[in-house]
C-alpha cells in the first residue's frame, strides 16, 4: 500500500482551520446569509490545494464543480437557482464519494 499524499500541509490546514473557527464565531453576530459564503470560501481553499495533489476524479470535482461556485453570500435574487446549483454539487460529491469508497457502486 502506498503512503497517502497529503493535500494540505500544516500551514494550509491551519489556515482552513482558522477560517472555519473564526467563521463560526462570526456567524453568531452576522446575518444567516453569510454562512454559505464562509463555508464556500473554505471549500475553495481546500479545492485549490486539492486539485494539484489528488487523484484525477477528485481533482476534476474540485476544478469543475467547486471552482466555478461563486464565493458570494446567498443571492437575494436567483436564490432558487443558487440552491439548485449547490444541490447539484452535493449530488456530484456524493457520487464521487460512493465511487471512491463503496467498491462496485457507480454512484
N, C-alpha and C. Protein backbone atom coordinates (compact mmCIF):
# COMPACT_ATOMS: atom_id res chain seq x y z
N UNK A 1 0.84 -1.17 0.00
CA UNK A 1 0.00 0.00 0.00
C UNK A 1 0.89 1.24 0.00
N UNK A 2 0.57 2.21 -0.84
CA UNK A 2 1.37 3.43 -0.90
C UNK A 2 0.94 4.40 0.20
N UNK A 3 1.87 5.23 0.58
CA UNK A 3 1.57 6.25 1.59
C UNK A 3 0.59 7.26 1.00
N UNK A 4 -0.34 7.76 1.81
CA UNK A 4 -1.27 8.76 1.30
C UNK A 4 -0.54 10.06 0.96
N UNK A 5 -1.04 10.74 -0.04
CA UNK A 5 -0.49 12.04 -0.42
C UNK A 5 -1.23 13.10 0.39
N UNK A 6 -0.48 13.92 1.09
CA UNK A 6 -1.10 14.98 1.87
C UNK A 6 -1.60 16.07 0.95
N UNK A 7 -2.84 16.44 1.12
CA UNK A 7 -3.42 17.51 0.32
C UNK A 7 -3.08 18.86 0.93
N UNK A 8 -3.11 18.93 2.23
CA UNK A 8 -2.80 20.18 2.93
C UNK A 8 -1.55 19.99 3.78
N UNK A 9 -0.63 20.91 3.67
CA UNK A 9 0.47 20.87 4.62
C UNK A 9 -0.01 21.56 5.90
N UNK A 10 0.83 21.61 6.90
CA UNK A 10 0.39 22.15 8.18
C UNK A 10 -0.08 23.60 8.07
N UNK A 11 0.62 24.41 7.28
CA UNK A 11 0.22 25.81 7.14
C UNK A 11 -1.13 25.94 6.46
N UNK A 12 -1.35 25.15 5.39
CA UNK A 12 -2.64 25.18 4.69
C UNK A 12 -3.76 24.73 5.61
N UNK A 13 -3.53 23.64 6.33
CA UNK A 13 -4.56 23.11 7.23
C UNK A 13 -4.86 24.12 8.34
N UNK A 14 -3.84 24.76 8.86
CA UNK A 14 -4.04 25.76 9.90
C UNK A 14 -4.83 26.95 9.37
N UNK A 15 -4.58 27.35 8.12
CA UNK A 15 -5.33 28.44 7.52
C UNK A 15 -6.81 28.09 7.41
N UNK A 16 -7.11 26.89 6.92
CA UNK A 16 -8.51 26.47 6.80
C UNK A 16 -9.15 26.34 8.18
N UNK A 17 -8.43 25.76 9.12
CA UNK A 17 -8.95 25.63 10.48
C UNK A 17 -9.26 27.01 11.08
N UNK A 18 -8.34 27.94 10.94
CA UNK A 18 -8.57 29.29 11.46
C UNK A 18 -9.78 29.93 10.79
N UNK A 19 -9.91 29.74 9.49
CA UNK A 19 -11.05 30.30 8.78
C UNK A 19 -12.36 29.72 9.31
N UNK A 20 -12.41 28.42 9.48
CA UNK A 20 -13.64 27.78 9.94
C UNK A 20 -13.99 28.18 11.38
N UNK A 21 -13.01 28.20 12.25
CA UNK A 21 -13.28 28.55 13.65
C UNK A 21 -13.72 30.01 13.77
N UNK A 22 -13.00 30.91 13.10
CA UNK A 22 -13.39 32.32 13.19
C UNK A 22 -14.70 32.58 12.47
N UNK A 23 -14.98 31.84 11.40
CA UNK A 23 -16.27 31.97 10.72
C UNK A 23 -17.41 31.53 11.64
N UNK A 24 -17.18 30.46 12.39
CA UNK A 24 -18.20 30.01 13.34
C UNK A 24 -18.49 31.10 14.36
N UNK A 25 -17.45 31.73 14.86
CA UNK A 25 -17.66 32.80 15.83
C UNK A 25 -18.37 33.99 15.19
N UNK A 26 -17.95 34.35 14.00
CA UNK A 26 -18.55 35.49 13.31
C UNK A 26 -20.03 35.25 13.03
N UNK A 27 -20.38 34.01 12.74
CA UNK A 27 -21.77 33.68 12.43
C UNK A 27 -22.73 33.99 13.58
N UNK A 28 -22.22 34.00 14.78
CA UNK A 28 -23.08 34.30 15.93
C UNK A 28 -23.69 35.69 15.78
N UNK A 29 -22.93 36.62 15.21
CA UNK A 29 -23.37 38.01 15.12
C UNK A 29 -23.79 38.45 13.72
N UNK A 30 -23.49 37.68 12.72
CA UNK A 30 -23.78 38.07 11.33
C UNK A 30 -25.12 37.54 10.88
N UNK A 31 -25.57 38.09 9.78
CA UNK A 31 -26.79 37.60 9.14
C UNK A 31 -26.56 36.18 8.64
N UNK A 32 -27.61 35.39 8.64
CA UNK A 32 -27.51 33.97 8.26
C UNK A 32 -26.97 33.77 6.84
N UNK A 33 -27.16 34.74 5.97
CA UNK A 33 -26.71 34.61 4.58
C UNK A 33 -25.20 34.45 4.46
N UNK A 34 -24.47 34.88 5.49
CA UNK A 34 -23.02 34.80 5.41
C UNK A 34 -22.48 33.39 5.67
N UNK A 35 -23.29 32.51 6.23
CA UNK A 35 -22.84 31.15 6.49
C UNK A 35 -22.35 30.44 5.23
N UNK A 36 -23.20 30.40 4.18
CA UNK A 36 -22.75 29.76 2.94
C UNK A 36 -21.51 30.43 2.35
N UNK A 37 -21.43 31.74 2.44
CA UNK A 37 -20.27 32.47 1.94
C UNK A 37 -19.00 31.96 2.60
N UNK A 38 -19.01 31.88 3.90
CA UNK A 38 -17.81 31.47 4.64
C UNK A 38 -17.47 30.01 4.39
N UNK A 39 -18.49 29.16 4.31
CA UNK A 39 -18.23 27.74 4.03
C UNK A 39 -17.70 27.55 2.62
N UNK A 40 -18.24 28.28 1.65
CA UNK A 40 -17.73 28.15 0.28
C UNK A 40 -16.32 28.72 0.15
N UNK A 41 -16.00 29.75 0.90
CA UNK A 41 -14.63 30.25 0.90
C UNK A 41 -13.68 29.16 1.38
N UNK A 42 -14.06 28.47 2.45
CA UNK A 42 -13.23 27.36 2.95
C UNK A 42 -13.16 26.23 1.93
N UNK A 43 -14.30 25.92 1.29
CA UNK A 43 -14.31 24.87 0.26
C UNK A 43 -13.36 25.23 -0.88
N UNK A 44 -13.35 26.49 -1.29
CA UNK A 44 -12.43 26.92 -2.35
C UNK A 44 -10.98 26.77 -1.91
N UNK A 45 -10.68 27.11 -0.67
CA UNK A 45 -9.30 26.97 -0.17
C UNK A 45 -8.85 25.52 -0.25
N UNK A 46 -9.71 24.61 0.19
CA UNK A 46 -9.37 23.18 0.14
C UNK A 46 -9.28 22.71 -1.30
N UNK A 47 -10.26 23.06 -2.13
CA UNK A 47 -10.29 22.61 -3.53
C UNK A 47 -9.06 23.10 -4.29
N UNK A 48 -8.64 24.33 -4.04
CA UNK A 48 -7.46 24.87 -4.73
C UNK A 48 -6.22 24.05 -4.43
N UNK A 49 -6.08 23.63 -3.20
CA UNK A 49 -4.91 22.85 -2.81
C UNK A 49 -5.06 21.38 -3.20
N UNK A 50 -6.28 20.91 -3.21
CA UNK A 50 -6.58 19.52 -3.53
C UNK A 50 -6.31 19.21 -5.00
N UNK A 51 -6.69 20.10 -5.88
CA UNK A 51 -6.64 19.83 -7.32
C UNK A 51 -5.26 19.39 -7.80
N UNK A 52 -4.21 19.98 -7.25
CA UNK A 52 -2.86 19.66 -7.71
C UNK A 52 -2.31 18.36 -7.15
N UNK A 53 -2.91 17.84 -6.09
CA UNK A 53 -2.32 16.69 -5.40
C UNK A 53 -3.21 15.46 -5.36
N UNK A 54 -4.40 15.54 -5.88
CA UNK A 54 -5.38 14.46 -5.72
C UNK A 54 -5.43 13.57 -6.96
N UNK A 55 -6.18 12.49 -6.83
CA UNK A 55 -6.44 11.62 -7.98
C UNK A 55 -7.22 12.43 -9.02
N UNK A 56 -7.22 11.96 -10.25
CA UNK A 56 -7.90 12.70 -11.32
C UNK A 56 -9.39 12.91 -11.04
N UNK A 57 -10.15 11.89 -10.58
CA UNK A 57 -11.57 12.15 -10.31
C UNK A 57 -11.79 13.22 -9.23
N UNK A 58 -10.97 13.20 -8.20
CA UNK A 58 -11.11 14.19 -7.13
C UNK A 58 -10.68 15.57 -7.63
N UNK A 59 -9.57 15.62 -8.36
CA UNK A 59 -9.11 16.89 -8.91
C UNK A 59 -10.14 17.48 -9.87
N UNK A 60 -10.75 16.62 -10.68
CA UNK A 60 -11.78 17.08 -11.62
C UNK A 60 -12.98 17.65 -10.87
N UNK A 61 -13.38 17.00 -9.79
CA UNK A 61 -14.50 17.52 -8.99
C UNK A 61 -14.14 18.90 -8.43
N UNK A 62 -12.97 19.01 -7.85
CA UNK A 62 -12.54 20.29 -7.27
C UNK A 62 -12.51 21.38 -8.34
N UNK A 63 -11.97 21.05 -9.49
CA UNK A 63 -11.82 22.02 -10.57
C UNK A 63 -13.15 22.35 -11.24
N UNK A 64 -13.93 21.32 -11.57
CA UNK A 64 -15.12 21.50 -12.39
C UNK A 64 -16.38 21.84 -11.61
N UNK A 65 -16.43 21.48 -10.34
CA UNK A 65 -17.66 21.70 -9.57
C UNK A 65 -17.49 22.73 -8.46
N UNK A 66 -16.40 22.66 -7.73
CA UNK A 66 -16.20 23.64 -6.65
C UNK A 66 -15.64 24.95 -7.23
N UNK A 67 -14.69 24.84 -8.12
CA UNK A 67 -14.07 26.03 -8.70
C UNK A 67 -15.05 27.07 -9.23
N UNK A 68 -16.05 26.67 -10.00
CA UNK A 68 -16.99 27.65 -10.55
C UNK A 68 -18.00 28.23 -9.55
N UNK A 69 -18.12 27.63 -8.37
CA UNK A 69 -19.09 28.16 -7.41
C UNK A 69 -18.68 29.56 -6.98
N UNK A 70 -19.64 30.48 -6.97
CA UNK A 70 -19.30 31.84 -6.55
C UNK A 70 -19.05 31.89 -5.04
N UNK A 71 -18.09 32.70 -4.66
CA UNK A 71 -17.82 32.90 -3.23
C UNK A 71 -18.61 34.13 -2.78
N UNK A 72 -19.91 34.04 -2.91
CA UNK A 72 -20.80 35.14 -2.54
C UNK A 72 -21.83 34.64 -1.56
N UNK A 73 -22.38 35.55 -0.79
CA UNK A 73 -23.48 35.19 0.10
C UNK A 73 -24.67 34.76 -0.76
N UNK A 74 -25.61 34.08 -0.15
CA UNK A 74 -26.80 33.63 -0.87
C UNK A 74 -27.42 34.85 -1.55
N UNK A 75 -27.60 34.79 -2.86
CA UNK A 75 -28.14 35.96 -3.56
C UNK A 75 -29.60 36.22 -3.18
N UNK A 76 -29.95 37.49 -3.17
CA UNK A 76 -31.35 37.85 -2.88
C UNK A 76 -32.22 37.55 -4.08
N UNK A 77 -31.66 37.69 -5.26
CA UNK A 77 -32.37 37.33 -6.49
C UNK A 77 -31.72 36.07 -7.04
N UNK A 78 -32.51 35.17 -7.58
CA UNK A 78 -31.98 33.93 -8.12
C UNK A 78 -31.62 32.93 -7.05
N UNK A 79 -32.24 33.06 -5.88
CA UNK A 79 -31.92 32.17 -4.76
C UNK A 79 -32.21 30.71 -5.11
N UNK A 80 -33.33 30.45 -5.77
CA UNK A 80 -33.69 29.07 -6.11
C UNK A 80 -32.64 28.43 -7.02
N UNK A 81 -32.14 29.18 -7.99
CA UNK A 81 -31.11 28.66 -8.88
C UNK A 81 -29.81 28.40 -8.11
N UNK A 82 -29.49 29.30 -7.20
CA UNK A 82 -28.29 29.15 -6.38
C UNK A 82 -28.38 27.88 -5.54
N UNK A 83 -29.52 27.67 -4.90
CA UNK A 83 -29.71 26.48 -4.07
C UNK A 83 -29.68 25.22 -4.94
N UNK A 84 -30.30 25.28 -6.11
CA UNK A 84 -30.28 24.12 -7.02
C UNK A 84 -28.85 23.80 -7.45
N UNK A 85 -28.05 24.82 -7.68
CA UNK A 85 -26.65 24.59 -8.07
C UNK A 85 -25.88 23.93 -6.93
N UNK A 86 -26.09 24.40 -5.70
CA UNK A 86 -25.43 23.76 -4.56
C UNK A 86 -25.90 22.32 -4.39
N UNK A 87 -27.20 22.07 -4.60
CA UNK A 87 -27.73 20.71 -4.52
C UNK A 87 -27.05 19.81 -5.55
N UNK A 88 -26.85 20.33 -6.77
CA UNK A 88 -26.20 19.54 -7.82
C UNK A 88 -24.75 19.23 -7.46
N UNK A 89 -24.04 20.19 -6.88
CA UNK A 89 -22.66 19.96 -6.47
C UNK A 89 -22.62 18.92 -5.35
N UNK A 90 -23.56 19.00 -4.42
CA UNK A 90 -23.64 18.00 -3.34
C UNK A 90 -23.88 16.61 -3.92
N UNK A 91 -24.75 16.50 -4.91
CA UNK A 91 -25.03 15.21 -5.55
C UNK A 91 -23.78 14.67 -6.25
N UNK A 92 -23.05 15.54 -6.94
CA UNK A 92 -21.82 15.12 -7.61
C UNK A 92 -20.78 14.66 -6.58
N UNK A 93 -20.69 15.37 -5.47
CA UNK A 93 -19.75 14.97 -4.42
C UNK A 93 -20.15 13.62 -3.84
N UNK A 94 -21.44 13.41 -3.62
CA UNK A 94 -21.91 12.11 -3.13
C UNK A 94 -21.56 10.99 -4.08
N UNK A 95 -21.72 11.23 -5.38
CA UNK A 95 -21.38 10.22 -6.38
C UNK A 95 -19.88 9.93 -6.36
N UNK A 96 -19.06 10.97 -6.26
CA UNK A 96 -17.61 10.79 -6.19
C UNK A 96 -17.23 9.96 -4.96
N UNK A 97 -17.81 10.28 -3.82
CA UNK A 97 -17.51 9.54 -2.59
C UNK A 97 -17.95 8.09 -2.70
N UNK A 98 -19.11 7.85 -3.30
CA UNK A 98 -19.59 6.48 -3.46
C UNK A 98 -18.65 5.68 -4.36
N UNK A 99 -18.22 6.28 -5.48
CA UNK A 99 -17.30 5.58 -6.38
C UNK A 99 -15.97 5.29 -5.69
N UNK A 100 -15.53 6.21 -4.88
CA UNK A 100 -14.23 6.06 -4.23
C UNK A 100 -14.26 5.08 -3.06
N UNK A 101 -15.31 5.10 -2.28
CA UNK A 101 -15.32 4.35 -1.02
C UNK A 101 -16.27 3.16 -0.97
N UNK A 102 -17.11 2.99 -1.97
CA UNK A 102 -18.02 1.84 -1.99
C UNK A 102 -17.72 1.05 -3.26
N UNK A 103 -16.83 0.06 -3.16
CA UNK A 103 -16.44 -0.71 -4.35
C UNK A 103 -17.65 -1.31 -5.06
N UNK A 104 -17.63 -1.23 -6.37
CA UNK A 104 -18.69 -1.81 -7.17
C UNK A 104 -19.91 -0.93 -7.32
N UNK A 105 -19.91 0.21 -6.67
CA UNK A 105 -21.06 1.11 -6.77
C UNK A 105 -20.70 2.24 -7.73
N UNK A 106 -21.59 2.52 -8.66
CA UNK A 106 -21.28 3.53 -9.68
C UNK A 106 -21.68 4.93 -9.25
N UNK A 107 -22.62 5.07 -8.33
CA UNK A 107 -23.00 6.42 -7.86
C UNK A 107 -23.65 6.34 -6.51
